[in-house]
N, C-alpha and C. Protein backbone atom coordinates (compact mmCIF):
# COMPACT_ATOMS: atom_id res chain seq x y z
N PHE A 1 0.67 -1.22 0.03
CA PHE A 1 0.10 -0.25 -0.02
C PHE A 1 0.98 1.25 0.08
N ASN A 2 2.12 1.50 0.85
CA ASN A 2 2.66 2.47 1.13
C ASN A 2 3.73 2.23 -0.03
N SER A 3 3.71 1.10 -0.18
CA SER A 3 5.12 1.71 -2.55
C SER A 3 4.29 2.27 -3.08
N PHE A 4 2.55 1.92 -3.17
CA PHE A 4 2.44 2.59 -4.31
C PHE A 4 2.04 4.02 -3.78
N TRP A 5 2.14 4.28 -3.08
CA TRP A 5 1.96 5.93 -3.23
C TRP A 5 2.39 6.44 -3.16
N ILE A 6 4.12 5.89 -2.32
CA ILE A 6 5.14 6.61 -2.75
C ILE A 6 5.94 6.38 -3.55
N GLY A 7 6.02 5.34 -4.27
CA GLY A 7 6.63 4.87 -5.97
C GLY A 7 5.81 4.88 -6.68
N ILE A 8 4.60 4.72 -7.08
CA ILE A 8 3.79 5.02 -8.51
C ILE A 8 3.31 6.66 -8.17
N VAL A 9 3.12 6.98 -7.30
CA VAL A 9 2.26 8.12 -7.05
C VAL A 9 3.36 9.17 -7.38
N GLY A 10 4.14 9.19 -5.90
CA GLY A 10 5.15 9.97 -5.49
C GLY A 10 5.08 10.98 -4.43
N LEU A 11 4.49 10.58 -3.57
CA LEU A 11 4.19 11.40 -2.24
C LEU A 11 4.99 10.90 -1.46
N PRO A 12 5.50 11.94 -0.56
CA PRO A 12 6.76 12.33 0.92
C PRO A 12 6.09 10.81 1.28
N SER A 13 7.58 10.10 1.09
CA SER A 13 7.50 8.70 2.16
C SER A 13 7.22 9.27 3.83
N LEU A 14 7.77 10.06 4.34
CA LEU A 14 7.59 10.38 5.96
C LEU A 14 6.07 10.78 5.92
N VAL A 15 4.99 11.50 5.14
CA VAL A 15 3.69 11.49 5.08
C VAL A 15 2.90 10.52 4.92
N VAL A 16 3.49 9.57 4.00
CA VAL A 16 2.52 7.96 3.99
C VAL A 16 2.71 7.58 4.70
N THR A 17 3.75 7.39 5.67
CA THR A 17 4.15 6.48 6.51
C THR A 17 3.20 7.03 7.84
N LEU A 18 3.43 8.33 7.82
CA LEU A 18 2.25 8.69 9.22
C LEU A 18 1.06 8.93 9.05
N ALA A 19 0.37 8.73 8.02
CA ALA A 19 -1.00 8.48 7.30
C ALA A 19 -1.02 7.23 7.46
N GLY A 20 -0.31 5.82 7.37
CA GLY A 20 -0.69 4.71 7.26
C GLY A 20 -0.81 4.27 8.47
N LEU A 21 0.52 4.69 9.48
CA LEU A 21 0.15 4.31 11.14
C LEU A 21 -0.86 4.52 11.37
N ILE A 22 -1.76 6.09 11.64
CA ILE A 22 -2.60 7.03 12.15
C ILE A 22 -3.90 6.21 11.39
N GLY A 23 -3.62 5.63 10.22
CA GLY A 23 -5.24 4.88 10.04
C GLY A 23 -5.28 3.12 10.11
N TYR A 24 -4.31 2.72 10.01
CA TYR A 24 -3.97 1.51 10.37
C TYR A 24 -4.59 1.21 11.86
N ARG A 25 -3.39 2.35 12.56
CA ARG A 25 -4.17 1.94 14.22
C ARG A 25 -5.93 1.99 14.44
N GLY A 26 -6.36 3.51 13.54
CA GLY A 26 -7.82 4.09 13.86
C GLY A 26 -8.61 2.68 13.47
N LEU A 27 -8.16 1.89 12.23
CA LEU A 27 -8.92 0.12 12.04
C LEU A 27 -8.92 -0.70 13.15
N ALA A 28 -7.59 -0.33 13.60
CA ALA A 28 -7.59 -1.64 14.52
C ALA A 28 -8.78 -1.34 15.65
N TYR A 29 -8.87 0.56 16.33
CA TYR A 29 -9.55 0.72 17.16
C TYR A 29 -10.92 0.39 17.09
N VAL A 30 -10.99 0.58 15.60
CA VAL A 30 -12.95 0.63 15.06
C VAL A 30 -12.86 -0.57 14.77
N LEU A 31 -12.36 -2.15 14.86
CA LEU A 31 -12.17 -3.49 14.64
C LEU A 31 -12.49 -3.70 16.17
N LEU A 32 -11.40 -3.29 16.96
CA LEU A 32 -11.15 -4.10 18.16
C LEU A 32 -12.02 -3.13 19.74
N GLU A 33 -11.73 -1.71 19.13
CA GLU A 33 -12.51 -1.07 20.88
C GLU A 33 -11.59 -1.27 21.56
N ASP A 34 -12.03 -1.47 22.57
CA ASP A 34 -11.18 -1.41 24.09
C ASP A 34 -11.34 -3.48 24.33
N ARG A 35 -11.38 -3.74 23.66
CA ARG A 35 -11.40 -5.31 23.44
C ARG A 35 -9.84 -6.17 23.33
N SER A 36 -9.39 -7.11 23.98
CA SER A 36 -8.64 -7.45 23.41
C SER A 36 -8.56 -8.99 23.36
N ILE A 37 -7.81 -9.37 22.16
CA ILE A 37 -8.25 -11.09 21.59
C ILE A 37 -7.06 -11.61 22.39
N GLY A 38 -7.58 -12.77 22.69
CA GLY A 38 -5.98 -13.50 23.30
C GLY A 38 -6.24 -14.96 23.10
N GLU A 39 -7.34 -15.78 22.05
CA GLU A 39 -7.66 -17.15 21.93
C GLU A 39 -6.72 -17.71 20.80
N PHE A 40 -5.51 -17.39 20.83
CA PHE A 40 -5.07 -18.30 20.14
C PHE A 40 -4.60 -19.65 19.78
N PRO A 41 -4.37 -20.27 19.02
CA PRO A 41 -3.84 -21.49 19.64
C PRO A 41 -2.87 -21.95 19.83
N ALA A 42 -2.17 -23.23 20.87
CA ALA A 42 -1.31 -22.99 21.51
C ALA A 42 0.13 -22.85 21.01
N TRP A 43 0.38 -23.35 19.66
CA TRP A 43 1.11 -23.77 19.17
C TRP A 43 1.79 -22.35 18.50
N PHE A 44 0.89 -20.97 18.34
CA PHE A 44 0.96 -19.75 18.21
C PHE A 44 1.70 -19.21 19.41
N ASP A 45 1.18 -19.58 20.80
CA ASP A 45 1.27 -18.62 21.89
C ASP A 45 3.32 -18.97 22.05
N ARG A 46 3.16 -20.65 21.86
CA ARG A 46 4.62 -21.32 21.82
C ARG A 46 5.36 -20.42 20.98
N LEU A 47 5.64 -19.84 19.83
CA LEU A 47 6.67 -19.14 19.33
C LEU A 47 6.87 -18.60 19.59
N GLY A 48 6.01 -17.76 20.82
CA GLY A 48 6.63 -16.13 21.24
C GLY A 48 7.24 -16.31 22.51
N GLN A 49 6.50 -17.57 23.32
CA GLN A 49 6.85 -17.38 24.97
C GLN A 49 8.06 -19.07 25.30
N GLN A 50 7.75 -19.57 24.20
CA GLN A 50 9.27 -20.75 24.91
C GLN A 50 10.43 -20.56 23.64
N PRO A 51 11.43 -21.37 23.80
CA PRO A 51 12.28 -20.92 23.47
C PRO A 51 12.69 -22.20 22.30
N LEU A 52 13.19 -21.50 20.72
CA LEU A 52 13.30 -22.80 19.62
C LEU A 52 14.32 -23.65 20.30
N ILE A 53 15.58 -23.40 19.67
CA ILE A 53 16.56 -23.35 19.72
C ILE A 53 17.94 -23.34 21.38
N GLY A 54 17.85 -23.77 21.83
CA GLY A 54 18.56 -24.23 23.11
C GLY A 54 17.99 -22.54 23.89
N PRO A 55 18.55 -22.30 24.29
CA PRO A 55 18.03 -20.34 25.13
C PRO A 55 16.96 -19.17 24.58
N PHE A 56 17.59 -19.54 22.84
CA PHE A 56 16.72 -18.41 22.03
C PHE A 56 15.43 -18.60 21.53
N PRO A 57 15.18 -17.53 21.79
CA PRO A 57 13.21 -17.63 20.96
C PRO A 57 13.33 -17.41 20.06
N LEU A 58 11.75 -17.96 19.13
CA LEU A 58 12.15 -17.33 17.68
C LEU A 58 12.24 -16.10 17.21
N ALA A 59 11.47 -15.07 17.53
CA ALA A 59 11.99 -13.77 17.40
C ALA A 59 13.58 -13.78 17.25
N LEU A 60 14.25 -13.45 18.78
CA LEU A 60 15.69 -13.51 18.80
C LEU A 60 16.12 -14.32 16.98
N ILE A 61 15.89 -15.42 16.67
CA ILE A 61 17.00 -15.76 16.14
C ILE A 61 16.14 -14.99 14.59
N VAL A 62 15.12 -14.70 14.65
CA VAL A 62 14.90 -14.43 13.19
C VAL A 62 15.09 -12.65 13.05
N PHE A 63 15.52 -12.63 14.34
CA PHE A 63 16.49 -10.63 14.33
C PHE A 63 17.77 -10.98 13.91
N PHE A 64 18.60 -11.61 14.18
CA PHE A 64 19.52 -11.85 13.92
C PHE A 64 19.61 -12.51 12.58
N VAL A 65 19.14 -13.38 11.72
CA VAL A 65 18.99 -13.76 10.19
C VAL A 65 18.79 -12.41 9.82
N LEU A 66 17.47 -12.18 9.95
CA LEU A 66 17.61 -10.80 9.01
C LEU A 66 18.45 -9.52 9.39
N LEU A 67 19.48 -9.57 10.71
CA LEU A 67 20.42 -8.45 10.60
C LEU A 67 21.17 -9.41 9.66
N ILE A 68 22.17 -10.12 9.68
CA ILE A 68 23.04 -10.78 8.93
C ILE A 68 22.47 -10.07 7.21
N PHE A 69 20.78 -11.13 7.09
CA PHE A 69 20.65 -10.41 5.59
C PHE A 69 20.82 -9.04 5.24
N ALA A 70 20.29 -8.64 6.14
CA ALA A 70 20.65 -6.80 5.77
C ALA A 70 21.85 -6.33 5.73
N ILE A 71 22.98 -6.53 6.53
CA ILE A 71 24.41 -6.71 6.10
C ILE A 71 24.83 -7.02 4.60
N ILE A 72 24.13 -8.18 4.22
CA ILE A 72 25.39 -8.46 2.96
C ILE A 72 24.64 -7.66 1.93
N VAL A 73 23.06 -7.73 2.55
CA VAL A 73 22.74 -6.79 0.38
C VAL A 73 23.21 -5.24 1.12
N LEU A 74 23.48 -4.73 1.90
CA LEU A 74 23.45 -3.56 2.19
C LEU A 74 24.95 -3.03 1.99
N GLN A 75 25.91 -3.75 1.94
CA GLN A 75 27.48 -3.49 2.26
C GLN A 75 28.33 -4.42 1.06
N TYR A 76 27.26 -5.74 0.69
CA TYR A 76 28.28 -6.40 -0.61
C TYR A 76 27.13 -6.83 -1.42
N SER A 77 26.22 -5.91 -1.95
CA SER A 77 25.06 -6.45 -3.26
C SER A 77 25.37 -5.19 -3.99
N GLY A 78 25.13 -5.15 -5.26
CA GLY A 78 24.69 -4.17 -5.99
C GLY A 78 23.69 -3.62 -6.02
N PHE A 79 22.32 -3.87 -5.29
CA PHE A 79 21.25 -3.30 -4.78
C PHE A 79 21.61 -2.68 -3.67
N GLY A 80 22.06 -2.89 -2.28
CA GLY A 80 22.26 -2.14 -0.87
C GLY A 80 22.96 -1.14 -1.81
N ARG A 81 24.38 -0.95 -2.84
CA ARG A 81 24.88 0.15 -3.38
C ARG A 81 23.88 1.44 -3.79
N TYR A 82 22.98 0.65 -4.45
CA TYR A 82 22.18 1.80 -5.29
C TYR A 82 21.29 2.34 -4.25
N VAL A 83 20.90 1.53 -2.64
CA VAL A 83 19.78 2.07 -1.75
C VAL A 83 21.25 3.90 -1.32
N TYR A 84 21.75 3.31 -0.97
CA TYR A 84 22.90 4.36 -0.69
C TYR A 84 22.87 5.23 -1.58
N VAL A 85 23.16 4.98 -3.31
CA VAL A 85 22.77 6.50 -3.85
C VAL A 85 21.54 7.16 -3.83
N ILE A 86 21.08 6.40 -4.02
CA ILE A 86 19.79 7.23 -4.10
C ILE A 86 19.51 7.76 -2.65
N GLY A 87 19.71 7.88 -1.34
CA GLY A 87 19.67 8.08 -0.50
C GLY A 87 20.40 9.45 -0.38
N ASN A 88 21.67 9.60 -1.50
CA ASN A 88 22.49 10.47 -1.27
C ASN A 88 21.65 11.53 -2.09
N SER A 89 21.39 10.96 -3.59
CA SER A 89 20.72 11.94 -4.21
C SER A 89 19.64 10.74 -5.25
N LYS A 90 18.53 11.29 -5.44
CA LYS A 90 17.70 10.44 -6.41
C LYS A 90 18.13 10.89 -7.82
N ASP A 91 18.36 12.58 -8.06
CA ASP A 91 18.70 12.76 -9.25
C ASP A 91 19.78 11.77 -10.27
N VAL A 92 21.03 11.91 -8.98
CA VAL A 92 22.41 10.98 -9.54
C VAL A 92 21.98 9.78 -9.83
N ALA A 93 21.31 9.17 -8.72
CA ALA A 93 20.71 7.65 -9.01
C ALA A 93 20.41 7.77 -10.26
N ARG A 94 19.03 8.20 -10.38
CA ARG A 94 18.58 8.15 -12.08
C ARG A 94 19.29 8.47 -12.78
N TYR A 95 20.23 9.44 -12.89
CA TYR A 95 20.90 9.55 -14.44
C TYR A 95 22.40 8.80 -14.43
N SER A 96 22.35 7.85 -13.09
CA SER A 96 23.56 6.66 -13.58
C SER A 96 22.50 5.50 -13.60
N GLY A 97 21.51 5.72 -13.96
CA GLY A 97 21.29 3.97 -14.64
C GLY A 97 20.48 3.51 -13.72
N VAL A 98 19.90 4.06 -12.19
CA VAL A 98 19.84 3.17 -11.20
C VAL A 98 17.98 3.40 -11.37
N ARG A 99 17.42 2.31 -11.12
CA ARG A 99 15.57 1.94 -11.47
C ARG A 99 15.18 2.84 -9.71
N VAL A 100 14.63 4.01 -9.70
CA VAL A 100 14.54 4.99 -8.30
C VAL A 100 13.31 4.25 -8.01
N ARG A 101 12.57 4.48 -8.94
CA ARG A 101 11.32 3.78 -8.17
C ARG A 101 10.78 2.22 -8.04
N ARG A 102 11.29 1.96 -8.77
CA ARG A 102 11.22 0.27 -8.50
C ARG A 102 12.10 0.00 -7.34
N THR A 103 13.23 0.75 -6.97
CA THR A 103 14.11 0.05 -5.79
C THR A 103 13.72 0.99 -4.69
N LYS A 104 12.55 1.71 -4.73
CA LYS A 104 11.76 2.27 -3.56
C LYS A 104 10.88 2.01 -3.00
N MET A 105 10.30 1.08 -4.18
CA MET A 105 9.23 -0.08 -4.14
C MET A 105 9.53 -1.10 -3.33
N ILE A 106 10.17 -1.82 -3.81
CA ILE A 106 10.76 -3.03 -3.26
C ILE A 106 11.42 -2.88 -1.56
N LEU A 107 12.01 -1.44 -1.20
CA LEU A 107 12.43 -1.08 0.23
C LEU A 107 11.27 -1.14 0.63
N PHE A 108 10.04 -0.21 0.19
CA PHE A 108 8.72 -0.25 1.26
C PHE A 108 7.92 -1.43 1.62
N VAL A 109 8.14 -2.76 0.28
CA VAL A 109 7.10 -3.62 0.67
C VAL A 109 8.16 -4.67 1.91
N VAL A 110 9.27 -4.70 1.56
CA VAL A 110 10.16 -5.23 2.35
C VAL A 110 10.35 -4.84 3.89
N SER A 111 9.90 -3.90 4.00
CA SER A 111 9.96 -3.08 5.26
C SER A 111 8.45 -3.11 5.86
N SER A 112 7.45 -3.28 5.24
CA SER A 112 6.32 -4.11 5.59
C SER A 112 6.21 -5.03 6.00
N THR A 113 7.25 -6.03 4.79
CA THR A 113 6.33 -7.04 5.25
C THR A 113 7.39 -7.78 6.35
N VAL A 114 8.31 -7.12 6.68
CA VAL A 114 9.55 -7.29 8.27
C VAL A 114 8.69 -6.52 9.74
N ALA A 115 8.03 -5.58 9.16
CA ALA A 115 7.52 -4.90 10.07
C ALA A 115 6.24 -5.92 10.76
N ALA A 116 5.44 -6.64 9.58
CA ALA A 116 4.67 -7.27 10.02
C ALA A 116 4.82 -8.59 10.77
N LEU A 117 6.02 -8.80 10.68
CA LEU A 117 6.04 -10.17 10.96
C LEU A 117 6.56 -9.78 12.40
N ALA A 118 6.72 -8.74 12.57
CA ALA A 118 7.70 -7.93 13.83
C ALA A 118 6.25 -8.58 14.74
N GLY A 119 4.89 -7.17 14.30
CA GLY A 119 3.69 -8.06 14.72
C GLY A 119 3.21 -9.08 15.50
N ILE A 120 3.41 -9.75 14.33
CA ILE A 120 3.02 -11.37 14.78
C ILE A 120 4.35 -11.90 15.97
N LEU A 121 5.15 -11.79 15.70
CA LEU A 121 5.85 -12.08 16.71
C LEU A 121 5.40 -11.80 18.25
N TYR A 122 5.20 -10.10 17.85
CA TYR A 122 5.22 -9.44 19.42
C TYR A 122 3.71 -9.99 20.34
N ALA A 123 2.44 -10.26 19.33
CA ALA A 123 1.67 -10.79 19.81
C ALA A 123 1.74 -12.22 19.65
N ALA A 124 1.88 -12.83 19.64
CA ALA A 124 2.98 -14.65 19.83
C ALA A 124 3.42 -14.41 21.61
N ARG A 125 4.41 -13.46 21.36
CA ARG A 125 5.33 -13.49 22.53
C ARG A 125 4.16 -12.33 23.83
N LEU A 126 3.24 -11.58 23.11
CA LEU A 126 2.12 -11.23 24.29
C LEU A 126 0.77 -12.17 24.73
N GLY A 127 0.86 -13.12 23.88
CA GLY A 127 -0.58 -14.01 23.82
C GLY A 127 -1.46 -13.33 23.50
N ALA A 128 -1.82 -12.22 23.48
CA ALA A 128 -2.94 -11.01 22.83
C ALA A 128 -2.52 -10.35 21.94
N VAL A 129 -3.87 -9.45 21.36
CA VAL A 129 -3.50 -8.19 20.83
C VAL A 129 -5.03 -7.12 21.13
N ARG A 130 -4.05 -5.81 21.08
CA ARG A 130 -5.45 -4.13 21.12
C ARG A 130 -4.73 -4.25 20.00
N GLY A 131 -5.73 -3.23 20.14
CA GLY A 131 -5.81 -1.88 19.02
C GLY A 131 -4.57 -1.07 19.71
N ASP A 132 -4.31 -0.63 20.83
CA ASP A 132 -2.99 -0.01 21.16
C ASP A 132 -2.16 -0.50 21.32
N MET A 133 -1.77 -1.54 21.01
CA MET A 133 -0.68 -2.79 20.88
C MET A 133 0.48 -1.84 20.68
N ALA A 134 1.90 -1.52 20.74
CA ALA A 134 3.25 -1.52 20.52
C ALA A 134 2.86 0.69 20.38
N LEU A 135 1.89 1.01 21.35
CA LEU A 135 1.62 1.85 20.75
C LEU A 135 2.94 3.14 21.63
N GLY A 136 3.78 3.81 21.03
CA GLY A 136 5.23 4.54 21.36
C GLY A 136 6.33 3.87 20.73
N PHE A 137 6.28 2.69 20.14
CA PHE A 137 7.05 1.68 20.05
C PHE A 137 8.11 2.83 18.85
N GLU A 138 7.06 3.54 17.95
CA GLU A 138 7.85 4.32 17.23
C GLU A 138 8.78 5.59 17.15
N LEU A 139 8.83 5.89 18.78
CA LEU A 139 9.67 7.01 19.14
C LEU A 139 11.13 5.89 19.41
N ASP A 140 10.80 4.67 19.93
CA ASP A 140 12.11 3.65 20.38
C ASP A 140 12.80 3.39 18.96
N ILE A 141 12.09 3.23 18.11
CA ILE A 141 12.74 2.87 16.58
C ILE A 141 13.35 4.11 16.01
N ILE A 142 12.79 5.06 16.12
CA ILE A 142 13.21 5.95 15.45
C ILE A 142 14.90 6.55 15.91
N THR A 143 14.61 6.72 17.40
CA THR A 143 15.84 6.65 18.13
C THR A 143 16.73 6.10 17.94
N MET A 144 16.50 5.01 18.15
CA MET A 144 17.69 3.31 18.18
C MET A 144 18.03 3.66 15.81
N VAL A 145 17.66 4.19 15.23
CA VAL A 145 18.11 4.03 14.06
C VAL A 145 19.44 5.50 13.95
N LEU A 146 18.13 6.60 14.27
CA LEU A 146 19.25 8.33 14.17
C LEU A 146 20.52 8.00 15.08
N LEU A 147 19.96 7.68 16.43
CA LEU A 147 21.60 7.16 17.65
C LEU A 147 22.56 6.19 16.79
N GLY A 148 22.41 5.29 16.01
CA GLY A 148 23.15 4.50 15.25
C GLY A 148 23.84 4.76 14.33
N GLY A 149 22.94 6.47 13.99
CA GLY A 149 24.55 6.64 12.59
C GLY A 149 23.78 6.65 11.24
N VAL A 150 22.45 6.47 11.21
CA VAL A 150 21.77 6.40 10.28
C VAL A 150 21.39 7.78 10.01
N SER A 151 21.57 8.65 8.80
CA SER A 151 21.25 9.95 8.49
C SER A 151 19.72 9.75 8.19
N ILE A 152 18.85 11.12 8.75
CA ILE A 152 17.29 11.36 8.51
C ILE A 152 16.79 11.49 7.07
N PHE A 153 17.97 12.20 6.40
CA PHE A 153 17.87 12.02 4.83
C PHE A 153 18.62 11.33 4.04
N GLY A 154 18.97 9.92 4.77
CA GLY A 154 19.19 9.02 3.62
C GLY A 154 20.46 8.87 3.25
N GLY A 155 21.21 8.27 2.85
CA GLY A 155 22.54 7.85 2.30
C GLY A 155 23.84 7.62 3.50
N THR A 156 23.28 7.18 4.26
CA THR A 156 23.96 7.04 5.52
C THR A 156 24.04 6.21 6.10
N GLY A 157 25.04 5.43 7.09
CA GLY A 157 24.08 4.26 8.00
C GLY A 157 24.74 3.19 7.85
N THR A 158 24.83 2.36 8.92
CA THR A 158 25.64 1.48 8.58
C THR A 158 24.51 0.40 9.63
N MET A 159 24.28 -1.00 9.29
CA MET A 159 23.81 -2.33 10.36
C MET A 159 24.47 -2.24 11.80
N TRP A 160 25.67 -1.97 11.74
CA TRP A 160 26.44 -2.39 12.98
C TRP A 160 25.67 -1.14 14.00
N GLY A 161 26.01 -0.27 13.46
CA GLY A 161 25.59 1.23 14.34
C GLY A 161 24.18 1.08 14.87
N VAL A 162 23.00 0.50 14.00
CA VAL A 162 22.17 0.28 14.55
C VAL A 162 22.04 -0.49 15.66
N LEU A 163 22.87 -1.73 15.11
CA LEU A 163 22.58 -2.54 16.38
C LEU A 163 23.31 -2.37 17.62
N LEU A 164 24.35 -1.34 17.74
CA LEU A 164 24.68 -1.15 18.87
C LEU A 164 23.88 0.08 19.58
N SER A 165 22.99 0.82 18.45
CA SER A 165 21.89 1.67 19.49
C SER A 165 20.82 0.93 19.73
N VAL A 166 20.92 -0.23 19.10
CA VAL A 166 19.83 -0.84 19.89
C VAL A 166 19.58 -1.37 21.34
N LEU A 167 21.29 -2.07 21.00
CA LEU A 167 21.63 -2.85 22.52
C LEU A 167 21.61 -1.12 23.63
N ILE A 168 22.19 -0.30 22.91
CA ILE A 168 22.46 1.15 24.20
C ILE A 168 20.60 1.14 25.01
N ILE A 169 19.66 1.37 23.97
CA ILE A 169 18.35 1.44 24.29
C ILE A 169 17.73 0.48 24.72
N LEU A 170 17.81 -0.98 24.43
CA LEU A 170 17.33 -1.95 25.65
C LEU A 170 18.11 -2.15 26.61
N ASN A 171 19.77 -1.79 27.26
CA ASN A 171 19.62 -1.44 28.09
C ASN A 171 18.58 -0.45 29.28
N LEU A 172 18.95 0.43 28.35
CA LEU A 172 18.86 2.08 29.18
C LEU A 172 17.23 1.52 29.71
N ARG A 173 16.15 1.13 28.60
CA ARG A 173 14.72 1.01 29.10
C ARG A 173 14.93 0.32 30.44
N ASN A 174 16.08 -1.17 30.46
CA ASN A 174 15.99 -1.74 31.15
C ASN A 174 16.28 -1.67 32.72
N GLY A 175 17.02 -0.61 32.52
CA GLY A 175 17.49 0.14 33.74
C GLY A 175 17.04 0.90 34.24
N MET A 176 16.14 1.49 33.56
CA MET A 176 15.19 2.75 33.83
C MET A 176 13.51 1.55 34.46
N GLY A 177 13.54 0.29 33.85
CA GLY A 177 12.73 -0.33 34.58
C GLY A 177 13.24 -0.58 35.91
N LEU A 178 14.79 -1.33 36.55
CA LEU A 178 14.73 -2.00 37.11
C LEU A 178 14.33 -1.10 38.43
N ALA A 179 15.09 0.52 38.37
CA ALA A 179 15.30 1.88 39.04
C ALA A 179 13.97 2.30 39.25
N ASN A 180 13.06 1.89 38.49
CA ASN A 180 11.65 1.97 39.68
C ASN A 180 11.20 3.24 38.46
N PHE A 181 11.83 3.55 37.07
CA PHE A 181 11.21 4.73 36.40
C PHE A 181 9.71 4.69 35.74
N SER A 182 9.33 5.90 35.78
CA SER A 182 8.07 5.29 35.31
C SER A 182 7.93 5.34 33.76
N GLY A 183 6.68 4.70 33.45
CA GLY A 183 6.98 4.95 31.84
C GLY A 183 6.91 6.17 31.00
N HIS A 184 6.86 7.19 31.88
CA HIS A 184 6.35 8.93 31.43
C HIS A 184 7.79 9.15 31.26
N VAL A 185 8.66 9.08 32.63
CA VAL A 185 10.19 9.62 32.32
C VAL A 185 11.11 8.93 31.45
N GLN A 186 10.58 7.85 31.23
CA GLN A 186 11.22 6.82 30.33
C GLN A 186 11.02 7.36 28.94
N THR A 187 10.05 7.96 28.57
CA THR A 187 9.50 8.22 27.24
C THR A 187 10.46 9.79 26.82
N GLY A 188 10.31 10.24 28.00
CA GLY A 188 10.93 11.58 28.08
C GLY A 188 12.50 11.74 28.06
N VAL A 189 13.71 10.53 28.36
CA VAL A 189 14.74 10.09 28.22
C VAL A 189 14.87 9.81 26.77
N ILE A 190 14.04 8.52 26.03
CA ILE A 190 14.15 8.60 25.04
C ILE A 190 13.97 9.31 24.25
N GLY A 191 13.42 10.35 24.20
CA GLY A 191 12.94 11.74 23.08
C GLY A 191 14.27 12.68 23.40
N VAL A 192 14.66 13.09 24.30
CA VAL A 192 16.24 13.47 24.99
C VAL A 192 17.28 13.32 23.86
N LEU A 193 17.31 11.28 24.16
CA LEU A 193 18.24 10.82 22.98
C LEU A 193 17.86 11.23 21.79
N LEU A 194 16.80 11.09 21.28
CA LEU A 194 16.15 11.38 20.05
C LEU A 194 16.42 12.82 19.46
N ILE A 195 16.59 14.02 19.94
CA ILE A 195 16.76 15.38 19.88
C ILE A 195 18.39 15.40 19.47
N LEU A 196 19.03 14.97 20.71
CA LEU A 196 20.13 14.49 20.69
C LEU A 196 21.50 13.92 19.37
N SER A 197 20.77 12.95 19.06
CA SER A 197 20.82 11.83 17.70
C SER A 197 20.84 12.57 16.49
N VAL A 198 19.58 14.15 16.50
CA VAL A 198 19.63 14.78 15.57
C VAL A 198 20.92 15.82 15.77
N LEU A 199 20.92 16.22 16.75
CA LEU A 199 21.68 17.69 17.38
C LEU A 199 23.59 17.79 16.74
N VAL A 200 23.48 16.20 17.72
CA VAL A 200 24.55 16.40 17.71
C VAL A 200 25.90 16.28 16.58
N PRO A 201 24.88 15.51 15.37
CA PRO A 201 25.31 15.36 14.24
C PRO A 201 25.68 17.22 13.31
N ASN A 202 24.63 17.12 13.32
CA ASN A 202 24.42 18.61 13.18
C ASN A 202 25.75 19.53 13.19
N LEU A 203 25.58 19.75 14.66
CA LEU A 203 26.49 20.70 15.08
C LEU A 203 27.89 20.63 14.82
N ALA A 204 28.27 19.28 14.63
CA ALA A 204 29.88 18.32 14.55
C ALA A 204 29.62 18.57 13.06
N GLY A 205 28.99 18.54 12.13
CA GLY A 205 28.51 19.28 10.45
C GLY A 205 29.36 20.69 10.99
N THR A 206 28.31 21.16 10.83
CA THR A 206 28.88 23.02 11.14
C THR A 206 30.41 22.95 11.64
N VAL A 207 30.52 22.54 12.96
CA VAL A 207 32.11 22.90 13.74
C VAL A 207 33.23 22.36 12.37
N GLN A 208 32.85 21.10 11.11
CA GLN A 208 33.91 20.89 10.74
C GLN A 208 33.68 21.75 9.49
N ALA A 209 32.74 22.40 8.96
CA ALA A 209 32.66 22.91 8.14
C ALA A 209 33.55 24.56 8.30
N ALA A 210 32.87 24.96 9.68
CA ALA A 210 33.64 26.08 9.78
C ALA A 210 35.19 26.41 10.19
N LEU A 211 35.78 24.66 10.18
CA LEU A 211 37.54 24.33 10.51
C LEU A 211 37.73 24.47 8.73
N LYS A 212 37.28 23.88 8.19
CA LYS A 212 37.50 23.98 6.76
C LYS A 212 37.29 25.19 5.84
N ARG A 213 36.58 25.86 6.06
CA ARG A 213 36.30 27.87 6.19
C ARG A 213 37.57 28.22 6.27
N ARG A 214 38.20 28.43 7.75
CA ARG A 214 39.28 28.42 8.51
C ARG A 214 40.53 28.13 8.12
N ARG A 215 40.80 26.61 7.81
CA ARG A 215 42.07 26.31 6.89
C ARG A 215 41.72 27.06 5.69
N ALA A 216 41.02 26.96 4.87
CA ALA A 216 40.70 27.87 3.50
C ALA A 216 41.46 29.28 3.22
N ARG A 217 40.82 29.70 4.31
CA ARG A 217 41.20 31.36 4.31
C ARG A 217 43.17 31.63 4.80
N THR A 218 43.28 30.41 5.71
CA THR A 218 44.76 30.56 6.15
C THR A 218 45.62 30.34 4.88
N VAL A 219 45.32 29.59 4.78
CA VAL A 219 46.14 29.18 2.93
C VAL A 219 46.52 30.26 2.18
N GLU A 220 44.62 30.49 1.98
CA GLU A 220 45.31 32.18 1.15
C GLU A 220 45.64 32.97 1.55
N VAL A 221 45.84 33.16 2.82
CA VAL A 221 46.31 34.66 3.54
C VAL A 221 48.10 34.02 3.72
N VAL A 222 48.05 32.43 3.42
CA VAL A 222 50.17 32.27 3.76
C VAL A 222 49.86 32.24 1.95
N ALA A 223 49.18 32.13 0.93
CA ALA A 223 49.69 32.27 -0.82
C ALA A 223 50.01 33.68 -0.88
N ALA A 224 49.01 34.54 -0.03
CA ALA A 224 49.19 36.08 -0.58
C ALA A 224 50.72 36.45 0.07
N GLU A 225 51.22 36.11 0.71
CA GLU A 225 52.28 36.72 1.68
C GLU A 225 53.73 36.05 0.71
C-alpha cells in the first residue's frame, strides 16, 4: 500500500508512513474497540513464549537472521549500493541508470513485510492483541536508527551502528525499569536521546564546515604572502 503511494504516485514517504500509521491504528481501534483478543492456538503462543533453539526464542533468531541478511545486502551487493546512492541523491542515481522508483518500492515492500512479521511475533509473545498494542514503539525505533548513525535524509549509516544503538536503548530501558522509573520518564529520556541524535551530528557538521573555511582562509593568506 505505502509503496504504491510513494513509488507510483510520488507522495513524500514520511507523510505516507505517518498517514498509514494513523489509518491502520484507527482501523484496529474500530475493529477491536477496547477489547483484547487472546484465544490463539497453543502452537502460536509457544512461538513467542518458549525457546526454539537452546535458550533462544524464535523472535531473537529471526532478528539475527534478518540482521545478517541486511548487512550482506547493504554492504556487499549492487542493490545495497543503489540504496545508498538513492539516499544521497535521487537525481544522481537516476542519471546513473538506477531504477529509483522500483528500488524504493522494493524497500517499502520489504519494510512492510518485516514490520508485519514483527507484529506477529510480538502478538505471539504477549498472547493477545489490542488496538493500542506497541503504541509508542515508533519513538524508540526512530531513536535507535538515528542514534545508530543513520541520516534522516538517507545515504548514511550501517546496520552495525543500528545494532549498537539497539543494545544501548534496550539496556537503558531495562535499567530504568529496574530503577522503577515511570513509563513517562522513560519516554522523556528516549525523547531527549532522539533530539541529541539529530542535534549532535548537525553541530559536528557545522564545526567541521567552520574549520574547513578557516583552513581555506589560512591557506589563502599564506599564499598571498
